[in-house]
Amino acid sequence: MMFDEDEAAPSPADRPGRVAESRPPRRIPPPAYRAVVAGWPDDWRERWGRRANELEEAGLAWRDAESQAFVEVWATVRKAPVVSDPGQN
């Protein structure tokens, strides 16, 4: 169907029986590793944040950068020796 120069093609909202929909923005839950990071000591979280920033500046998407930084920092802190608190005995 062709339209004259002064006649515009109907938009989807102009079609009978169609109502223009406005959908709410999609809510994506935060990544699961963030709950783990929230419980880390400040120095571990800072190390994670700095590494995530480095990876993002190198070109990774922010979610990929954060998850990669989590894996790297978690591997490092897991290998660290456990310091026992002498006051717990």
N, C-alpha and C. Protein backbone atom coordinates (compact mmCIF):
# COMPACT_ATOMS: atom_id res chain seq x y z
N MET A 1 0.84 -1.16 0.00
CA MET A 1 0.00 0.00 0.00
C MET A 1 0.89 1.24 0.00
N MET A 2 0.68 2.08 -0.92
CA MET A 2 1.47 3.29 -1.05
C MET A 2 0.72 4.47 -0.43
N PHE A 3 1.45 5.46 0.03
CA PHE A 3 0.86 6.64 0.64
C PHE A 3 1.23 7.86 -0.18
N ASP A 4 0.29 8.80 -0.24
CA ASP A 4 0.57 10.05 -0.92
C ASP A 4 1.62 10.82 -0.14
N GLU A 5 2.20 11.81 -0.77
CA GLU A 5 3.24 12.61 -0.13
C GLU A 5 2.78 13.27 1.15
N ASP A 6 1.52 13.71 1.19
CA ASP A 6 1.03 14.40 2.39
C ASP A 6 0.38 13.45 3.38
N GLU A 7 0.44 12.16 3.12
CA GLU A 7 -0.18 11.17 4.00
C GLU A 7 0.93 10.31 4.62
N ALA A 8 0.96 10.26 5.93
CA ALA A 8 2.01 9.49 6.62
C ALA A 8 1.54 8.07 6.85
N ALA A 9 2.47 7.15 6.91
CA ALA A 9 2.15 5.76 7.23
C ALA A 9 1.70 5.70 8.68
N PRO A 10 0.68 4.90 8.97
CA PRO A 10 0.20 4.82 10.36
C PRO A 10 1.25 4.17 11.26
N SER A 11 1.36 4.68 12.47
CA SER A 11 2.28 4.08 13.43
C SER A 11 1.57 2.91 14.09
N PRO A 12 2.30 2.00 14.71
CA PRO A 12 1.66 0.85 15.37
C PRO A 12 0.63 1.28 16.40
N ALA A 13 0.82 2.43 17.05
CA ALA A 13 -0.13 2.90 18.06
C ALA A 13 -1.42 3.39 17.42
N ASP A 14 -1.40 3.72 16.10
CA ASP A 14 -2.58 4.22 15.41
C ASP A 14 -3.48 3.09 14.90
N ARG A 15 -3.02 1.88 14.95
CA ARG A 15 -3.81 0.77 14.44
C ARG A 15 -4.96 0.48 15.38
N PRO A 16 -6.13 0.17 14.83
CA PRO A 16 -7.27 -0.15 15.69
C PRO A 16 -6.99 -1.36 16.57
N GLY A 17 -7.43 -1.27 17.82
CA GLY A 17 -7.25 -2.38 18.75
C GLY A 17 -5.88 -2.46 19.39
N ARG A 18 -5.00 -1.56 19.04
CA ARG A 18 -3.65 -1.57 19.61
C ARG A 18 -3.50 -0.39 20.55
N VAL A 19 -2.96 -0.63 21.67
CA VAL A 19 -2.70 0.42 22.64
C VAL A 19 -1.18 0.54 22.77
N ALA A 20 -0.72 1.77 22.72
CA ALA A 20 0.72 1.97 22.89
C ALA A 20 1.11 1.53 24.29
N GLU A 21 2.07 0.65 24.36
CA GLU A 21 2.50 0.12 25.65
C GLU A 21 3.78 0.80 26.10
N SER A 22 3.82 1.09 27.36
CA SER A 22 5.08 1.55 27.93
C SER A 22 5.46 0.52 28.98
N ARG A 23 6.50 -0.18 28.70
CA ARG A 23 6.95 -1.23 29.62
C ARG A 23 7.89 -0.64 30.65
N PRO A 24 7.79 -1.12 31.87
CA PRO A 24 8.74 -0.67 32.88
C PRO A 24 10.12 -1.22 32.53
N PRO A 25 11.16 -0.54 32.95
CA PRO A 25 12.50 -1.04 32.65
C PRO A 25 12.72 -2.41 33.28
N ARG A 26 13.48 -3.23 32.60
CA ARG A 26 13.80 -4.55 33.11
C ARG A 26 14.66 -4.44 34.36
N ARG A 27 14.30 -5.19 35.38
CA ARG A 27 15.08 -5.19 36.61
C ARG A 27 15.96 -6.43 36.62
N ILE A 28 17.25 -6.21 36.60
CA ILE A 28 18.20 -7.31 36.62
C ILE A 28 18.79 -7.38 38.02
N PRO A 29 18.68 -8.54 38.65
CA PRO A 29 19.24 -8.64 40.02
C PRO A 29 20.75 -8.48 40.00
N PRO A 30 21.32 -8.00 41.10
CA PRO A 30 22.78 -7.85 41.15
C PRO A 30 23.44 -9.23 41.08
N PRO A 31 24.64 -9.27 40.55
CA PRO A 31 25.36 -10.55 40.48
C PRO A 31 25.57 -11.14 41.87
N ALA A 32 25.56 -12.46 41.96
CA ALA A 32 25.66 -13.16 43.24
C ALA A 32 26.96 -12.87 43.97
N TYR A 33 28.05 -12.64 43.23
CA TYR A 33 29.33 -12.41 43.89
C TYR A 33 29.34 -11.13 44.72
N ARG A 34 28.43 -10.22 44.43
CA ARG A 34 28.41 -8.96 45.18
C ARG A 34 28.06 -9.20 46.65
N ALA A 35 27.23 -10.19 46.94
CA ALA A 35 26.91 -10.50 48.34
C ALA A 35 28.15 -11.01 49.06
N VAL A 36 28.99 -11.75 48.36
CA VAL A 36 30.23 -12.24 48.95
C VAL A 36 31.20 -11.09 49.18
N VAL A 37 31.33 -10.22 48.17
CA VAL A 37 32.23 -9.08 48.28
C VAL A 37 31.81 -8.16 49.43
N ALA A 38 30.52 -8.03 49.65
CA ALA A 38 30.02 -7.16 50.72
C ALA A 38 30.50 -7.61 52.10
N GLY A 39 30.77 -8.89 52.25
CA GLY A 39 31.24 -9.41 53.54
C GLY A 39 32.75 -9.42 53.69
N TRP A 40 33.45 -9.03 52.65
CA TRP A 40 34.91 -9.01 52.70
C TRP A 40 35.42 -7.85 53.54
N PRO A 41 36.63 -7.99 54.08
CA PRO A 41 37.27 -6.84 54.75
C PRO A 41 37.53 -5.72 53.74
N ASP A 42 37.69 -4.53 54.26
CA ASP A 42 37.87 -3.35 53.38
C ASP A 42 39.02 -3.50 52.40
N ASP A 43 40.14 -4.05 52.84
CA ASP A 43 41.30 -4.14 51.94
C ASP A 43 41.04 -5.11 50.78
N TRP A 44 40.30 -6.18 51.01
CA TRP A 44 39.96 -7.10 49.93
C TRP A 44 39.01 -6.43 48.94
N ARG A 45 38.01 -5.73 49.48
CA ARG A 45 37.04 -5.03 48.60
C ARG A 45 37.74 -3.97 47.77
N GLU A 46 38.68 -3.26 48.38
CA GLU A 46 39.42 -2.24 47.63
C GLU A 46 40.25 -2.89 46.52
N ARG A 47 40.89 -4.00 46.83
CA ARG A 47 41.67 -4.71 45.82
C ARG A 47 40.77 -5.16 44.66
N TRP A 48 39.59 -5.67 45.00
CA TRP A 48 38.62 -6.10 43.99
C TRP A 48 38.17 -4.92 43.13
N GLY A 49 37.84 -3.81 43.76
CA GLY A 49 37.38 -2.64 43.02
C GLY A 49 38.44 -2.07 42.09
N ARG A 50 39.66 -2.00 42.59
CA ARG A 50 40.75 -1.48 41.75
C ARG A 50 41.01 -2.40 40.55
N ARG A 51 40.99 -3.70 40.80
CA ARG A 51 41.22 -4.65 39.70
C ARG A 51 40.07 -4.59 38.69
N ALA A 52 38.84 -4.47 39.16
CA ALA A 52 37.70 -4.36 38.26
C ALA A 52 37.82 -3.10 37.39
N ASN A 53 38.26 -2.00 38.00
CA ASN A 53 38.45 -0.77 37.24
C ASN A 53 39.54 -0.94 36.17
N GLU A 54 40.63 -1.61 36.53
CA GLU A 54 41.70 -1.85 35.56
C GLU A 54 41.19 -2.66 34.37
N LEU A 55 40.43 -3.71 34.66
CA LEU A 55 39.92 -4.57 33.60
C LEU A 55 38.92 -3.82 32.72
N GLU A 56 38.11 -2.97 33.33
CA GLU A 56 37.15 -2.19 32.55
C GLU A 56 37.87 -1.20 31.65
N GLU A 57 38.91 -0.55 32.18
CA GLU A 57 39.69 0.39 31.37
C GLU A 57 40.40 -0.33 30.22
N ALA A 58 40.68 -1.62 30.41
CA ALA A 58 41.32 -2.41 29.36
C ALA A 58 40.33 -2.87 28.29
N GLY A 59 39.03 -2.60 28.52
CA GLY A 59 38.05 -2.90 27.48
C GLY A 59 36.95 -3.88 27.84
N LEU A 60 37.01 -4.49 29.01
CA LEU A 60 35.93 -5.41 29.39
C LEU A 60 34.68 -4.62 29.78
N ALA A 61 33.53 -5.22 29.56
CA ALA A 61 32.27 -4.64 30.05
C ALA A 61 32.32 -4.67 31.58
N TRP A 62 31.58 -3.77 32.22
CA TRP A 62 31.71 -3.63 33.67
C TRP A 62 31.34 -4.92 34.41
N ARG A 63 30.32 -5.64 33.95
CA ARG A 63 29.95 -6.88 34.63
C ARG A 63 31.05 -7.93 34.48
N ASP A 64 31.60 -8.02 33.29
CA ASP A 64 32.68 -8.97 33.05
C ASP A 64 33.92 -8.60 33.87
N ALA A 65 34.21 -7.30 33.94
CA ALA A 65 35.36 -6.83 34.71
C ALA A 65 35.19 -7.16 36.19
N GLU A 66 34.01 -6.91 36.72
CA GLU A 66 33.77 -7.20 38.14
C GLU A 66 33.87 -8.69 38.43
N SER A 67 33.29 -9.52 37.57
CA SER A 67 33.33 -10.96 37.84
C SER A 67 34.75 -11.50 37.70
N GLN A 68 35.50 -11.02 36.72
CA GLN A 68 36.89 -11.46 36.57
C GLN A 68 37.73 -11.03 37.76
N ALA A 69 37.53 -9.80 38.22
CA ALA A 69 38.24 -9.30 39.39
C ALA A 69 37.88 -10.14 40.63
N PHE A 70 36.63 -10.52 40.75
CA PHE A 70 36.20 -11.36 41.87
C PHE A 70 36.96 -12.68 41.87
N VAL A 71 37.02 -13.31 40.70
CA VAL A 71 37.71 -14.60 40.60
C VAL A 71 39.17 -14.45 40.98
N GLU A 72 39.82 -13.40 40.47
CA GLU A 72 41.24 -13.20 40.76
C GLU A 72 41.50 -12.92 42.23
N VAL A 73 40.73 -12.01 42.82
CA VAL A 73 40.95 -11.67 44.23
C VAL A 73 40.58 -12.84 45.13
N TRP A 74 39.51 -13.53 44.83
CA TRP A 74 39.10 -14.67 45.64
C TRP A 74 40.19 -15.74 45.62
N ALA A 75 40.78 -16.00 44.46
CA ALA A 75 41.85 -17.00 44.37
C ALA A 75 43.05 -16.57 45.21
N THR A 76 43.34 -15.28 45.22
CA THR A 76 44.48 -14.77 45.99
C THR A 76 44.23 -14.88 47.49
N VAL A 77 43.06 -14.46 47.94
CA VAL A 77 42.80 -14.47 49.38
C VAL A 77 42.58 -15.87 49.91
N ARG A 78 42.14 -16.78 49.08
CA ARG A 78 41.98 -18.17 49.52
C ARG A 78 43.32 -18.82 49.80
N LYS A 79 44.35 -18.40 49.06
CA LYS A 79 45.68 -18.97 49.24
C LYS A 79 46.44 -18.34 50.40
N ALA A 80 45.95 -17.21 50.89
CA ALA A 80 46.64 -16.50 51.97
C ALA A 80 46.55 -17.32 53.25
N PRO A 81 47.61 -17.32 54.04
CA PRO A 81 47.58 -18.05 55.31
C PRO A 81 46.56 -17.42 56.26
N VAL A 82 45.91 -18.27 57.01
CA VAL A 82 44.92 -17.81 57.99
C VAL A 82 45.66 -17.36 59.24
N VAL A 83 45.37 -16.16 59.67
CA VAL A 83 45.98 -15.63 60.88
C VAL A 83 45.01 -15.87 62.01
N SER A 84 45.42 -16.67 62.98
CA SER A 84 44.52 -16.95 64.10
C SER A 84 44.60 -15.82 65.11
N ASP A 85 43.50 -15.59 65.77
CA ASP A 85 43.41 -14.55 66.79
C ASP A 85 43.81 -15.17 68.13
N PRO A 86 44.92 -14.70 68.72
CA PRO A 86 45.36 -15.30 69.99
C PRO A 86 44.35 -15.11 71.12
N GLY A 87 43.46 -14.15 70.99
CA GLY A 87 42.48 -13.92 72.03
C GLY A 87 41.30 -14.87 72.01
N GLN A 88 41.22 -15.76 71.01
CA GLN A 88 40.10 -16.68 70.91
C GLN A 88 40.26 -17.93 71.76
N ASN A 89 41.43 -18.22 72.29
CA ASN A 89 41.66 -19.45 73.06
C ASN A 89 41.08 -19.37 74.42
